[in-house]
Amino acid sequence: MKHEIEYRGLPLIDKLAKVNIVVCGVGALGSNLVDSLIRIGCTKIRVIDFDRVEAHNINNQVYDLTDVGSL
């Protein structure tokens, strides 16, 4: 049964790796979305966001204190 589940998922993962994805805004929701997309195998991701990382948002975004001030 385990091999059957893995087999059905592999073609989908291959398709996701070829899809162009655009994420507008990488704050609380967008940063976690991009992190999840990368973990499932998406490789063509374009991120659009003009804000800078701020210290008070670190607790709900996928950033570190070393990212504060970065675009």
C-alpha atoms as a PDB file:
ATOM      1  CA  MET A   1       0.000   0.000   0.000  1.00  0.00           C
ATOM      2  CA  LYS A   2       2.864   2.401   0.806  1.00  0.00           C
ATOM      3  CA  HIS A   3       4.377   2.083  -2.686  1.00  0.00           C
ATOM      4  CA  GLU A   4       1.002   2.795  -4.282  1.00  0.00           C
ATOM      5  CA  ILE A   5       0.666   6.091  -2.385  1.00  0.00           C
ATOM      6  CA  GLU A   6       4.228   7.131  -3.245  1.00  0.00           C
ATOM      7  CA  TYR A   7       3.702   6.302  -6.924  1.00  0.00           C
ATOM      8  CA  ARG A   8       0.568   8.434  -7.227  1.00  0.00           C
ATOM      9  CA  GLY A   9       2.355  11.384  -5.635  1.00  0.00           C
ATOM     10  CA  LEU A  10       5.518  11.355  -7.738  1.00  0.00           C
ATOM     11  CA  PRO A  11       3.886  12.485 -11.018  1.00  0.00           C
ATOM     12  CA  LEU A  12       2.238  15.362  -9.173  1.00  0.00           C
ATOM     13  CA  ILE A  13       5.530  16.414  -7.618  1.00  0.00           C
ATOM     14  CA  ASP A  14       7.166  16.332 -11.065  1.00  0.00           C
ATOM     15  CA  LYS A  15       4.394  18.556 -12.447  1.00  0.00           C
ATOM     16  CA  LEU A  16       4.778  21.040  -9.597  1.00  0.00           C
ATOM     17  CA  ALA A  17       8.506  21.320 -10.240  1.00  0.00           C
ATOM     18  CA  LYS A  18       7.753  22.573 -13.769  1.00  0.00           C
ATOM     19  CA  VAL A  19       5.000  25.073 -12.930  1.00  0.00           C
ATOM     20  CA  ASN A  20       5.792  28.803 -12.802  1.00  0.00           C
ATOM     21  CA  ILE A  21       4.411  30.266  -9.571  1.00  0.00           C
ATOM     22  CA  VAL A  22       4.187  33.949  -8.622  1.00  0.00           C
ATOM     23  CA  VAL A  23       3.610  34.959  -5.008  1.00  0.00           C
ATOM     24  CA  CYS A  24       2.717  38.597  -4.363  1.00  0.00           C
ATOM     25  CA  GLY A  25       3.547  39.518  -0.795  1.00  0.00           C
ATOM     26  CA  VAL A  26       5.738  37.437   1.480  1.00  0.00           C
ATOM     27  CA  GLY A  27       4.583  38.562   4.877  1.00  0.00           C
ATOM     28  CA  ALA A  28       2.938  36.198   7.347  1.00  0.00           C
ATOM     29  CA  LEU A  29       0.946  34.187   4.809  1.00  0.00           C
ATOM     30  CA  GLY A  30       3.185  34.541   1.764  1.00  0.00           C
ATOM     31  CA  SER A  31       6.459  33.646   3.491  1.00  0.00           C
ATOM     32  CA  ASN A  32       4.942  30.460   4.907  1.00  0.00           C
ATOM     33  CA  LEU A  33       3.391  29.644   1.526  1.00  0.00           C
ATOM     34  CA  VAL A  34       6.738  30.004  -0.269  1.00  0.00           C
ATOM     35  CA  ASP A  35       8.420  27.858   2.389  1.00  0.00           C
ATOM     36  CA  SER A  36       5.789  25.130   1.886  1.00  0.00           C
ATOM     37  CA  LEU A  37       6.017  25.313  -1.915  1.00  0.00           C
ATOM     38  CA  ILE A  38       9.772  24.829  -1.773  1.00  0.00           C
ATOM     39  CA  ARG A  39       9.409  21.883   0.601  1.00  0.00           C
ATOM     40  CA  ILE A  40       7.028  20.073  -1.769  1.00  0.00           C
ATOM     41  CA  GLY A  41       9.366  20.493  -4.717  1.00  0.00           C
ATOM     42  CA  CYS A  42       8.388  23.693  -6.526  1.00  0.00           C
ATOM     43  CA  THR A  43      11.462  25.195  -8.157  1.00  0.00           C
ATOM     44  CA  LYS A  44      10.139  28.039 -10.314  1.00  0.00           C
ATOM     45  CA  ILE A  45       8.899  30.603  -7.799  1.00  0.00           C
ATOM     46  CA  ARG A  46       8.916  34.357  -8.336  1.00  0.00           C
ATOM     47  CA  VAL A  47       8.338  36.468  -5.245  1.00  0.00           C
ATOM     48  CA  ILE A  48       7.129  40.073  -5.407  1.00  0.00           C
ATOM     49  CA  ASP A  49       7.205  42.238  -2.300  1.00  0.00           C
ATOM     50  CA  PHE A  50       8.477  45.775  -1.809  1.00  0.00           C
ATOM     51  CA  ASP A  51       8.480  45.840   2.001  1.00  0.00           C
ATOM     52  CA  ARG A  52      11.412  45.275   4.309  1.00  0.00           C
ATOM     53  CA  VAL A  53      11.516  42.631   7.025  1.00  0.00           C
ATOM     54  CA  GLU A  54      10.676  44.253  10.369  1.00  0.00           C
ATOM     55  CA  ALA A  55      11.542  42.924  13.827  1.00  0.00           C
ATOM     56  CA  HIS A  56       7.964  43.032  15.118  1.00  0.00           C
ATOM     57  CA  ASN A  57       6.866  40.608  12.355  1.00  0.00           C
ATOM     58  CA  ILE A  58       9.499  37.916  12.987  1.00  0.00           C
ATOM     59  CA  ASN A  59       7.176  35.816  15.175  1.00  0.00           C
ATOM     60  CA  ASN A  60       4.702  35.076  12.342  1.00  0.00           C
ATOM     61  CA  GLN A  61       6.939  35.091   9.272  1.00  0.00           C
ATOM     62  CA  VAL A  62       9.620  32.731   7.987  1.00  0.00           C
ATOM     63  CA  TYR A  63      12.450  35.124   8.719  1.00  0.00           C
ATOM     64  CA  ASP A  64      15.194  35.413  11.308  1.00  0.00           C
ATOM     65  CA  LEU A  65      16.497  38.406  13.244  1.00  0.00           C
ATOM     66  CA  THR A  66      19.423  38.517  10.825  1.00  0.00           C
ATOM     67  CA  ASP A  67      16.896  39.264   8.035  1.00  0.00           C
ATOM     68  CA  VAL A  68      15.567  42.450   9.682  1.00  0.00           C
ATOM     69  CA  GLY A  69      15.918  45.359   7.261  1.00  0.00           C
ATOM     70  CA  SER A  70      16.276  43.135   4.192  1.00  0.00           C
ATOM     71  CA  LEU A  71      14.010  43.560   1.188  1.00  0.00           C
END
